[in-house]
């Protein structure tokens, strides 16, 4: 009876080994593919940053590649986006903390009455940064933005951080990244 079980046990061991190897291989390749995809997106973000010339709702014209501020945060948001609104208090505090060293620029994706909705949101949340109307979604398309909120953080035109969900801008780990980037100035 024991001799009959040996082939079955060997088969199970070999099959388990094969599955384990396949899982490890797929995980490794998946991570490598994600890194490559992130690098490609960062390249697009950096190219788009260099080409971007914007007019804010307060009629300021901003050409990002010529902006002397070392760190620029592009925050893609909409007035109907609950996570966007929830992150505004920490974003306002972040902008205040790094005044003159960091520029936050909102890219608003409301498609109707955007300027009015931006003004209402700025007043309600006491936003201390300017926003740009992206009602035709050309800026969002250029940055491959499909959902809100999204924040892309640049240091001297290079992407140092991307967040595609609700974010606490006063998170110590995030602040450490900003501080170390400013020291590298």
N, C-alpha and C. Protein backbone atom coordinates (compact mmCIF):
# COMPACT_ATOMS: atom_id res chain seq x y z
N UNK A 1 0.81 -1.19 0.00
CA UNK A 1 0.00 0.00 0.00
C UNK A 1 0.86 1.26 0.00
N UNK A 2 1.96 1.25 0.77
CA UNK A 2 2.82 2.42 0.85
C UNK A 2 3.49 2.72 -0.48
N UNK A 3 3.84 1.67 -1.25
CA UNK A 3 4.49 1.88 -2.54
C UNK A 3 3.54 2.55 -3.52
N UNK A 4 2.25 2.34 -3.39
CA UNK A 4 1.28 2.96 -4.28
C UNK A 4 1.16 4.46 -4.02
N UNK A 5 1.41 4.90 -2.80
CA UNK A 5 1.30 6.32 -2.43
C UNK A 5 2.51 7.14 -2.87
N UNK A 6 3.65 6.51 -3.04
CA UNK A 6 4.87 7.25 -3.39
C UNK A 6 4.71 8.04 -4.68
N UNK A 7 4.20 7.49 -5.78
CA UNK A 7 4.03 8.29 -7.00
C UNK A 7 3.06 9.47 -6.79
N UNK A 8 2.03 9.25 -6.01
CA UNK A 8 1.07 10.32 -5.76
C UNK A 8 1.73 11.44 -4.96
N UNK A 9 2.47 11.08 -3.95
CA UNK A 9 3.17 12.08 -3.12
C UNK A 9 4.20 12.82 -3.96
N UNK A 10 4.95 12.11 -4.79
CA UNK A 10 5.94 12.76 -5.66
C UNK A 10 5.26 13.72 -6.64
N UNK A 11 4.13 13.31 -7.19
CA UNK A 11 3.38 14.18 -8.10
C UNK A 11 2.91 15.44 -7.38
N UNK A 12 2.37 15.29 -6.19
CA UNK A 12 1.89 16.44 -5.42
C UNK A 12 3.05 17.39 -5.10
N UNK A 13 4.18 16.84 -4.72
CA UNK A 13 5.37 17.67 -4.41
C UNK A 13 5.85 18.41 -5.65
N UNK A 14 5.91 17.71 -6.78
CA UNK A 14 6.37 18.34 -8.03
C UNK A 14 5.39 19.42 -8.46
N UNK A 15 4.09 19.13 -8.38
CA UNK A 15 3.07 20.10 -8.78
C UNK A 15 3.10 21.32 -7.87
N UNK A 16 3.27 21.11 -6.57
CA UNK A 16 3.37 22.22 -5.62
C UNK A 16 4.61 23.07 -5.92
N UNK A 17 5.70 22.43 -6.21
CA UNK A 17 6.92 23.16 -6.57
C UNK A 17 6.73 23.99 -7.83
N UNK A 18 6.08 23.38 -8.83
CA UNK A 18 5.80 24.09 -10.08
C UNK A 18 4.93 25.32 -9.81
N UNK A 19 3.84 25.14 -9.05
CA UNK A 19 2.94 26.26 -8.75
C UNK A 19 3.66 27.37 -7.98
N UNK A 20 4.46 26.98 -7.01
CA UNK A 20 5.21 27.98 -6.22
C UNK A 20 6.14 28.78 -7.12
N UNK A 21 6.85 28.10 -7.99
CA UNK A 21 7.75 28.77 -8.92
C UNK A 21 6.98 29.72 -9.83
N UNK A 22 5.84 29.27 -10.33
CA UNK A 22 5.03 30.10 -11.22
C UNK A 22 4.53 31.35 -10.50
N UNK A 23 4.09 31.20 -9.27
CA UNK A 23 3.60 32.35 -8.49
C UNK A 23 4.72 33.35 -8.25
N UNK A 24 5.89 32.86 -7.87
CA UNK A 24 7.03 33.75 -7.64
C UNK A 24 7.41 34.46 -8.94
N UNK A 25 7.45 33.74 -10.03
CA UNK A 25 7.79 34.32 -11.34
C UNK A 25 6.79 35.41 -11.74
N UNK A 26 5.49 35.09 -11.60
CA UNK A 26 4.45 36.07 -11.96
C UNK A 26 4.52 37.31 -11.08
N UNK A 27 4.78 37.13 -9.80
CA UNK A 27 4.90 38.27 -8.89
C UNK A 27 6.08 39.15 -9.28
N UNK A 28 7.21 38.53 -9.55
CA UNK A 28 8.40 39.28 -9.95
C UNK A 28 8.15 40.05 -11.24
N UNK A 29 7.59 39.38 -12.24
CA UNK A 29 7.32 40.04 -13.52
C UNK A 29 6.28 41.14 -13.37
N UNK A 30 5.27 40.90 -12.56
CA UNK A 30 4.23 41.90 -12.34
C UNK A 30 4.83 43.16 -11.71
N UNK A 31 5.68 42.98 -10.71
CA UNK A 31 6.33 44.13 -10.07
C UNK A 31 7.25 44.86 -11.05
N UNK A 32 7.99 44.12 -11.85
CA UNK A 32 8.87 44.73 -12.84
C UNK A 32 8.06 45.50 -13.88
N UNK A 33 6.94 44.92 -14.31
CA UNK A 33 6.09 45.60 -15.29
C UNK A 33 5.50 46.88 -14.69
N UNK A 34 5.12 46.84 -13.39
CA UNK A 34 4.56 48.01 -12.73
C UNK A 34 5.61 49.12 -12.64
N UNK A 35 6.84 48.76 -12.33
CA UNK A 35 7.92 49.75 -12.27
C UNK A 35 8.12 50.38 -13.64
N UNK A 36 8.12 49.57 -14.70
CA UNK A 36 8.27 50.10 -16.06
C UNK A 36 7.11 51.01 -16.41
N UNK A 37 5.88 50.62 -16.05
CA UNK A 37 4.70 51.45 -16.34
C UNK A 37 4.78 52.77 -15.58
N UNK A 38 5.22 52.71 -14.32
CA UNK A 38 5.37 53.93 -13.53
C UNK A 38 6.43 54.86 -14.15
N UNK A 39 7.53 54.28 -14.61
CA UNK A 39 8.58 55.09 -15.25
C UNK A 39 8.04 55.77 -16.51
N UNK A 40 7.26 55.03 -17.28
CA UNK A 40 6.67 55.61 -18.50
C UNK A 40 5.71 56.73 -18.15
N UNK A 41 4.87 56.52 -17.15
CA UNK A 41 3.94 57.57 -16.73
C UNK A 41 4.70 58.78 -16.22
N UNK A 42 5.72 58.56 -15.42
CA UNK A 42 6.51 59.68 -14.90
C UNK A 42 7.14 60.46 -16.04
N UNK A 43 7.58 59.77 -17.06
CA UNK A 43 8.14 60.44 -18.23
C UNK A 43 7.10 61.32 -18.91
N UNK A 44 5.88 60.80 -19.04
CA UNK A 44 4.78 61.58 -19.61
C UNK A 44 4.47 62.78 -18.72
N UNK A 45 4.40 62.55 -17.40
CA UNK A 45 4.12 63.63 -16.46
C UNK A 45 5.18 64.73 -16.57
N UNK A 46 6.44 64.33 -16.69
CA UNK A 46 7.52 65.32 -16.77
C UNK A 46 7.49 66.08 -18.09
N UNK A 47 7.19 65.40 -19.18
CA UNK A 47 7.06 66.08 -20.48
C UNK A 47 5.89 67.04 -20.47
N UNK A 48 4.78 66.61 -19.90
CA UNK A 48 3.59 67.46 -19.82
C UNK A 48 3.86 68.67 -18.94
N UNK A 49 4.59 68.47 -17.86
CA UNK A 49 4.95 69.56 -16.96
C UNK A 49 5.73 70.63 -17.72
N UNK A 50 6.69 70.19 -18.52
CA UNK A 50 7.54 71.12 -19.27
C UNK A 50 6.74 71.94 -20.29
N UNK A 51 5.67 71.36 -20.80
CA UNK A 51 4.90 72.03 -21.86
C UNK A 51 3.72 72.84 -21.32
N UNK A 52 3.44 72.72 -20.03
CA UNK A 52 2.22 73.29 -19.48
C UNK A 52 2.33 74.78 -19.20
N UNK A 53 1.41 75.52 -19.79
CA UNK A 53 1.25 76.95 -19.54
C UNK A 53 -0.22 77.14 -19.21
N UNK A 54 -0.50 77.61 -18.01
CA UNK A 54 -1.87 77.64 -17.51
C UNK A 54 -2.30 79.04 -17.10
N UNK A 55 -3.60 79.28 -17.20
CA UNK A 55 -4.18 80.51 -16.68
C UNK A 55 -5.15 80.10 -15.58
N UNK A 56 -4.93 80.64 -14.39
CA UNK A 56 -5.75 80.28 -13.24
C UNK A 56 -7.06 81.06 -13.24
N UNK A 57 -7.92 80.70 -12.32
CA UNK A 57 -9.20 81.40 -12.19
C UNK A 57 -9.00 82.83 -11.70
N UNK A 58 -7.82 83.15 -11.20
CA UNK A 58 -7.51 84.52 -10.76
C UNK A 58 -6.69 85.25 -11.83
N UNK A 59 -6.70 84.71 -13.04
CA UNK A 59 -6.02 85.28 -14.22
C UNK A 59 -4.50 85.34 -14.09
N UNK A 60 -3.92 84.51 -13.26
CA UNK A 60 -2.47 84.37 -13.24
C UNK A 60 -2.07 83.42 -14.35
N UNK A 61 -1.00 83.74 -15.03
CA UNK A 61 -0.47 82.82 -16.04
C UNK A 61 0.75 82.15 -15.45
N UNK A 62 0.74 80.83 -15.50
CA UNK A 62 1.84 80.05 -14.91
C UNK A 62 2.41 79.14 -15.98
N UNK A 63 3.69 79.31 -16.22
CA UNK A 63 4.42 78.41 -17.12
C UNK A 63 5.32 77.57 -16.21
N UNK A 64 4.93 76.33 -16.00
CA UNK A 64 5.57 75.51 -14.98
C UNK A 64 7.08 75.38 -15.15
N UNK A 65 7.54 75.21 -16.37
CA UNK A 65 8.98 74.99 -16.57
C UNK A 65 9.81 76.21 -16.16
N UNK A 66 9.19 77.39 -16.11
CA UNK A 66 9.91 78.61 -15.72
C UNK A 66 9.62 79.04 -14.29
N UNK A 67 8.82 78.28 -13.57
CA UNK A 67 8.48 78.65 -12.21
C UNK A 67 9.68 78.36 -11.29
N UNK A 68 10.11 79.33 -10.50
CA UNK A 68 11.28 79.13 -9.65
C UNK A 68 11.02 78.31 -8.38
N UNK A 69 9.76 78.05 -8.07
CA UNK A 69 9.43 77.29 -6.87
C UNK A 69 9.99 75.87 -7.01
N UNK A 70 10.79 75.41 -6.03
CA UNK A 70 11.44 74.10 -6.18
C UNK A 70 10.47 72.92 -6.26
N UNK A 71 9.38 72.98 -5.48
CA UNK A 71 8.44 71.87 -5.48
C UNK A 71 7.08 72.38 -5.92
N UNK A 72 6.51 71.71 -6.90
CA UNK A 72 5.18 72.05 -7.41
C UNK A 72 4.30 70.82 -7.30
N UNK A 73 3.12 71.03 -6.74
CA UNK A 73 2.13 69.96 -6.60
C UNK A 73 0.96 70.26 -7.52
N UNK A 74 0.71 69.37 -8.45
CA UNK A 74 -0.50 69.47 -9.27
C UNK A 74 -1.54 68.57 -8.61
N UNK A 75 -2.64 69.20 -8.17
CA UNK A 75 -3.70 68.47 -7.50
C UNK A 75 -4.94 68.48 -8.38
N UNK A 76 -5.25 67.32 -8.96
CA UNK A 76 -6.42 67.18 -9.83
C UNK A 76 -7.64 66.90 -8.95
N UNK A 77 -8.67 67.75 -9.06
CA UNK A 77 -9.83 67.63 -8.20
C UNK A 77 -11.10 68.08 -8.92
N UNK A 78 -12.24 67.79 -8.29
CA UNK A 78 -13.54 68.26 -8.77
C UNK A 78 -14.41 68.54 -7.55
N UNK A 79 -15.34 69.45 -7.69
CA UNK A 79 -16.18 69.85 -6.55
C UNK A 79 -17.11 68.74 -6.09
N UNK A 80 -17.42 67.80 -6.95
CA UNK A 80 -18.31 66.68 -6.61
C UNK A 80 -17.56 65.50 -6.00
N UNK A 81 -16.25 65.58 -5.97
CA UNK A 81 -15.39 64.48 -5.51
C UNK A 81 -15.19 64.58 -3.99
N UNK A 82 -15.86 63.72 -3.25
CA UNK A 82 -15.79 63.75 -1.79
C UNK A 82 -14.36 63.56 -1.27
N UNK A 83 -13.58 62.58 -1.77
CA UNK A 83 -12.20 62.46 -1.29
C UNK A 83 -11.36 63.72 -1.57
N UNK A 84 -11.64 64.39 -2.69
CA UNK A 84 -10.93 65.64 -3.00
C UNK A 84 -11.18 66.67 -1.91
N UNK A 85 -12.44 66.81 -1.55
CA UNK A 85 -12.83 67.80 -0.55
C UNK A 85 -12.26 67.43 0.82
N UNK A 86 -12.20 66.14 1.11
CA UNK A 86 -11.68 65.68 2.41
C UNK A 86 -10.19 65.95 2.55
N UNK A 87 -9.46 65.98 1.44
CA UNK A 87 -8.01 66.20 1.56
C UNK A 87 -7.64 67.69 1.59
N UNK A 88 -8.60 68.58 1.29
CA UNK A 88 -8.29 70.00 1.24
C UNK A 88 -7.74 70.58 2.55
N UNK A 89 -8.29 70.22 3.73
CA UNK A 89 -7.70 70.81 4.95
C UNK A 89 -6.21 70.52 5.11
N UNK A 90 -5.80 69.29 4.84
CA UNK A 90 -4.36 68.98 4.96
C UNK A 90 -3.56 69.64 3.84
N UNK A 91 -4.15 69.80 2.67
CA UNK A 91 -3.47 70.45 1.56
C UNK A 91 -3.27 71.94 1.85
N UNK A 92 -4.28 72.57 2.44
CA UNK A 92 -4.18 73.98 2.83
C UNK A 92 -3.08 74.14 3.89
N UNK A 93 -3.08 73.25 4.89
CA UNK A 93 -2.06 73.30 5.94
C UNK A 93 -0.67 73.07 5.36
N UNK A 94 -0.56 72.14 4.44
CA UNK A 94 0.71 71.85 3.76
C UNK A 94 1.22 73.08 3.00
N UNK A 95 0.33 73.72 2.24
CA UNK A 95 0.71 74.91 1.47
C UNK A 95 1.18 76.02 2.41
N UNK A 96 0.50 76.18 3.53
CA UNK A 96 0.88 77.21 4.51
C UNK A 96 2.25 76.90 5.12
N UNK A 97 2.47 75.65 5.46
CA UNK A 97 3.75 75.23 6.07
C UNK A 97 4.94 75.52 5.15
N UNK A 98 4.76 75.31 3.86
CA UNK A 98 5.86 75.44 2.91
C UNK A 98 5.72 76.66 2.01
N UNK A 99 5.07 77.68 2.49
CA UNK A 99 4.84 78.90 1.71
C UNK A 99 6.17 79.42 1.12
N UNK A 100 6.16 79.64 -0.17
CA UNK A 100 7.36 80.13 -0.86
C UNK A 100 8.30 79.03 -1.33
N UNK A 101 8.18 77.84 -0.76
CA UNK A 101 9.04 76.71 -1.14
C UNK A 101 8.28 75.68 -1.97
N UNK A 102 6.96 75.70 -1.81
CA UNK A 102 6.09 74.75 -2.51
C UNK A 102 4.95 75.53 -3.13
N UNK A 103 4.61 75.17 -4.36
CA UNK A 103 3.45 75.77 -5.01
C UNK A 103 2.46 74.65 -5.30
N UNK A 104 1.25 74.82 -4.78
CA UNK A 104 0.17 73.90 -5.08
C UNK A 104 -0.68 74.55 -6.16
N UNK A 105 -1.02 73.77 -7.15
CA UNK A 105 -1.86 74.26 -8.23
C UNK A 105 -2.96 73.24 -8.46
N UNK A 106 -4.20 73.68 -8.28
CA UNK A 106 -5.34 72.80 -8.47
C UNK A 106 -5.74 72.74 -9.94
N UNK A 107 -6.02 71.56 -10.42
CA UNK A 107 -6.55 71.37 -11.77
C UNK A 107 -7.97 70.83 -11.59
N UNK A 108 -8.95 71.69 -11.85
CA UNK A 108 -10.33 71.34 -11.57
C UNK A 108 -11.01 70.70 -12.77
N UNK A 109 -11.64 69.55 -12.54
CA UNK A 109 -12.26 68.79 -13.62
C UNK A 109 -13.77 68.94 -13.73
N UNK A 110 -14.36 69.93 -13.05
CA UNK A 110 -15.80 70.15 -13.21
C UNK A 110 -16.07 70.56 -14.65
N UNK A 111 -17.13 70.02 -15.22
CA UNK A 111 -17.40 70.29 -16.64
C UNK A 111 -18.44 71.38 -16.87
N UNK A 112 -19.24 71.68 -15.87
CA UNK A 112 -20.25 72.74 -16.00
C UNK A 112 -20.08 73.74 -14.85
N UNK A 113 -20.15 75.02 -15.18
CA UNK A 113 -20.03 76.09 -14.18
C UNK A 113 -18.78 75.95 -13.33
N UNK A 114 -17.70 75.52 -13.94
CA UNK A 114 -16.47 75.22 -13.20
C UNK A 114 -15.96 76.42 -12.42
N UNK A 115 -15.91 77.59 -13.03
CA UNK A 115 -15.37 78.76 -12.34
C UNK A 115 -16.18 79.08 -11.09
N UNK A 116 -17.50 79.00 -11.19
CA UNK A 116 -18.35 79.25 -10.02
C UNK A 116 -18.13 78.20 -8.94
N UNK A 117 -18.05 76.95 -9.35
CA UNK A 117 -17.84 75.87 -8.38
C UNK A 117 -16.47 75.99 -7.71
N UNK A 118 -15.47 76.41 -8.46
CA UNK A 118 -14.14 76.61 -7.88
C UNK A 118 -14.20 77.72 -6.84
N UNK A 119 -14.83 78.86 -7.19
CA UNK A 119 -14.92 79.97 -6.23
C UNK A 119 -15.64 79.55 -4.95
N UNK A 120 -16.74 78.82 -5.08
CA UNK A 120 -17.48 78.35 -3.90
C UNK A 120 -16.62 77.42 -3.06
N UNK A 121 -15.92 76.51 -3.71
CA UNK A 121 -15.06 75.56 -3.00
C UNK A 121 -13.90 76.28 -2.33
N UNK A 122 -13.30 77.25 -3.04
CA UNK A 122 -12.20 78.04 -2.46
C UNK A 122 -12.65 78.75 -1.19
N UNK A 123 -13.86 79.32 -1.22
CA UNK A 123 -14.38 80.04 -0.06
C UNK A 123 -14.70 79.07 1.09
N UNK A 124 -15.39 77.99 0.77
CA UNK A 124 -15.80 77.04 1.80
C UNK A 124 -14.61 76.39 2.51
N UNK A 125 -13.58 76.01 1.74
CA UNK A 125 -12.43 75.30 2.30
C UNK A 125 -11.23 76.21 2.53
N UNK A 126 -11.41 77.51 2.29
CA UNK A 126 -10.34 78.50 2.49
C UNK A 126 -9.05 78.09 1.77
N UNK A 127 -9.21 77.71 0.50
CA UNK A 127 -8.07 77.25 -0.28
C UNK A 127 -7.06 78.39 -0.45
N UNK A 128 -5.81 78.10 -0.19
CA UNK A 128 -4.73 79.08 -0.28
C UNK A 128 -3.84 78.82 -1.49
N UNK A 129 -4.43 78.23 -2.50
CA UNK A 129 -3.72 77.99 -3.76
C UNK A 129 -4.70 78.24 -4.90
N UNK A 130 -4.15 78.50 -6.05
CA UNK A 130 -4.97 78.79 -7.22
C UNK A 130 -5.35 77.51 -7.94
N UNK A 131 -6.43 77.61 -8.71
CA UNK A 131 -6.87 76.47 -9.51
C UNK A 131 -7.05 76.89 -10.96
N UNK A 132 -7.07 75.89 -11.81
CA UNK A 132 -7.23 76.06 -13.24
C UNK A 132 -8.47 75.29 -13.66
N UNK A 133 -9.27 75.87 -14.53
CA UNK A 133 -10.45 75.19 -15.07
C UNK A 133 -9.99 74.22 -16.16
N UNK A 134 -10.41 72.97 -16.02
CA UNK A 134 -10.12 71.95 -17.03
C UNK A 134 -11.43 71.31 -17.49
N UNK A 135 -12.41 72.17 -17.81
CA UNK A 135 -13.74 71.69 -18.18
C UNK A 135 -13.73 70.80 -19.42
N UNK A 136 -12.81 71.05 -20.34
CA UNK A 136 -12.73 70.22 -21.55
C UNK A 136 -11.84 68.99 -21.34
N UNK A 137 -11.27 68.87 -20.15
CA UNK A 137 -10.46 67.73 -19.73
C UNK A 137 -9.18 67.54 -20.55
N UNK A 138 -8.73 68.58 -21.21
CA UNK A 138 -7.50 68.45 -22.01
C UNK A 138 -6.27 68.24 -21.12
N UNK A 139 -6.22 68.95 -20.00
CA UNK A 139 -5.08 68.79 -19.09
C UNK A 139 -5.11 67.40 -18.48
N UNK A 140 -6.28 66.98 -18.02
CA UNK A 140 -6.42 65.63 -17.43
C UNK A 140 -6.01 64.56 -18.43
N UNK A 141 -6.43 64.70 -19.67
CA UNK A 141 -6.04 63.73 -20.71
C UNK A 141 -4.54 63.73 -20.92
N UNK A 142 -3.95 64.91 -20.93
CA UNK A 142 -2.50 65.03 -21.13
C UNK A 142 -1.74 64.28 -20.03
N UNK A 143 -2.29 64.30 -18.81
CA UNK A 143 -1.66 63.63 -17.67
C UNK A 143 -2.25 62.24 -17.40
N UNK A 144 -3.11 61.77 -18.30
CA UNK A 144 -3.73 60.44 -18.19
C UNK A 144 -4.50 60.27 -16.89
N UNK A 145 -5.20 61.32 -16.47
CA UNK A 145 -5.98 61.29 -15.24
C UNK A 145 -7.38 60.77 -15.57
N UNK A 146 -7.78 59.71 -14.90
CA UNK A 146 -9.08 59.10 -15.15
C UNK A 146 -10.03 59.24 -13.96
N UNK A 147 -9.47 59.41 -12.76
CA UNK A 147 -10.26 59.55 -11.54
C UNK A 147 -9.68 60.67 -10.68
N UNK A 148 -10.45 61.09 -9.71
CA UNK A 148 -10.00 62.13 -8.77
C UNK A 148 -10.06 61.57 -7.35
N UNK A 149 -9.26 62.08 -6.44
CA UNK A 149 -8.18 63.04 -6.63
C UNK A 149 -6.90 62.35 -7.10
N UNK A 150 -6.06 63.13 -7.74
CA UNK A 150 -4.71 62.70 -8.09
C UNK A 150 -3.78 63.87 -7.80
N UNK A 151 -2.67 63.58 -7.15
CA UNK A 151 -1.66 64.60 -6.90
C UNK A 151 -0.33 64.12 -7.46
N UNK A 152 0.31 65.01 -8.22
CA UNK A 152 1.63 64.72 -8.77
C UNK A 152 2.57 65.77 -8.20
N UNK A 153 3.62 65.32 -7.54
CA UNK A 153 4.56 66.23 -6.89
C UNK A 153 5.87 66.22 -7.69
N UNK A 154 6.31 67.43 -8.03
CA UNK A 154 7.54 67.61 -8.80
C UNK A 154 8.58 68.34 -7.97
N UNK A 155 9.81 67.94 -8.14
CA UNK A 155 10.95 68.70 -7.62
C UNK A 155 11.79 69.10 -8.82
N UNK A 156 11.81 70.38 -9.08
CA UNK A 156 12.55 70.91 -10.23
C UNK A 156 12.17 70.19 -11.53
N UNK A 157 10.89 69.94 -11.71
CA UNK A 157 10.39 69.35 -12.94
C UNK A 157 10.43 67.83 -13.00
N UNK A 158 10.97 67.19 -11.99
CA UNK A 158 11.05 65.72 -11.95
C UNK A 158 10.03 65.19 -10.96
N UNK A 159 9.32 64.15 -11.34
CA UNK A 159 8.31 63.55 -10.48
C UNK A 159 8.99 62.89 -9.29
N UNK A 160 8.53 63.26 -8.09
CA UNK A 160 9.06 62.61 -6.88
C UNK A 160 7.97 61.85 -6.12
N UNK A 161 6.71 62.09 -6.49
CA UNK A 161 5.63 61.43 -5.78
C UNK A 161 4.34 61.53 -6.59
N UNK A 162 3.58 60.44 -6.63
CA UNK A 162 2.28 60.44 -7.28
C UNK A 162 1.31 59.74 -6.33
N UNK A 163 0.16 60.35 -6.12
CA UNK A 163 -0.87 59.75 -5.28
C UNK A 163 -2.20 59.80 -6.02
N UNK A 164 -2.88 58.65 -6.08
CA UNK A 164 -4.12 58.55 -6.85
C UNK A 164 -5.31 58.20 -5.96
N UNK A 165 -5.32 58.76 -4.78
CA UNK A 165 -6.43 58.55 -3.84
C UNK A 165 -6.37 59.65 -2.79
N UNK A 166 -7.30 59.62 -1.85
CA UNK A 166 -7.31 60.56 -0.75
C UNK A 166 -5.95 60.55 -0.06
N UNK A 167 -5.39 61.74 0.16
CA UNK A 167 -4.05 61.83 0.71
C UNK A 167 -4.00 62.83 1.86
N UNK A 168 -3.30 62.47 2.90
CA UNK A 168 -3.03 63.40 4.00
C UNK A 168 -1.69 64.07 3.72
N UNK A 169 -1.75 65.33 3.31
CA UNK A 169 -0.53 66.05 2.95
C UNK A 169 0.34 66.38 4.16
N UNK A 170 -0.18 66.16 5.36
CA UNK A 170 0.61 66.40 6.57
C UNK A 170 1.14 65.10 7.16
N UNK A 171 1.07 64.02 6.41
CA UNK A 171 1.61 62.74 6.83
C UNK A 171 3.13 62.89 7.03
N UNK A 172 3.67 62.48 8.18
CA UNK A 172 5.10 62.66 8.45
C UNK A 172 6.02 62.06 7.38
N UNK A 173 5.65 60.92 6.83
CA UNK A 173 6.48 60.29 5.80
C UNK A 173 6.51 61.17 4.54
N UNK A 174 5.36 61.72 4.16
CA UNK A 174 5.29 62.61 3.00
C UNK A 174 6.08 63.89 3.27
N UNK A 175 5.92 64.46 4.46
CA UNK A 175 6.65 65.69 4.81
C UNK A 175 8.16 65.45 4.80
N UNK A 176 8.56 64.26 5.21
CA UNK A 176 9.99 63.91 5.18
C UNK A 176 10.52 63.91 3.74
N UNK A 177 9.72 63.39 2.81
CA UNK A 177 10.10 63.41 1.39
C UNK A 177 10.26 64.85 0.91
N UNK A 178 9.32 65.71 1.27
CA UNK A 178 9.37 67.11 0.86
C UNK A 178 10.59 67.78 1.48
N UNK A 179 10.82 67.58 2.78
CA UNK A 179 11.98 68.20 3.45
C UNK A 179 13.29 67.75 2.83
N UNK A 180 13.43 66.47 2.56
CA UNK A 180 14.68 65.97 1.97
C UNK A 180 14.87 66.49 0.56
N UNK A 181 13.77 66.65 -0.19
CA UNK A 181 13.88 67.22 -1.55
C UNK A 181 14.29 68.69 -1.49
N UNK A 182 13.76 69.41 -0.53
CA UNK A 182 14.12 70.83 -0.39
C UNK A 182 15.58 70.98 0.04
N UNK A 183 16.06 70.07 0.87
CA UNK A 183 17.47 70.13 1.30
C UNK A 183 18.40 69.84 0.13
N UNK A 184 17.94 69.02 -0.80
CA UNK A 184 18.76 68.66 -1.99
C UNK A 184 18.81 69.79 -2.98
N UNK A 185 18.09 70.84 -2.72
CA UNK A 185 18.01 71.99 -3.61
C UNK A 185 19.33 72.50 -4.01
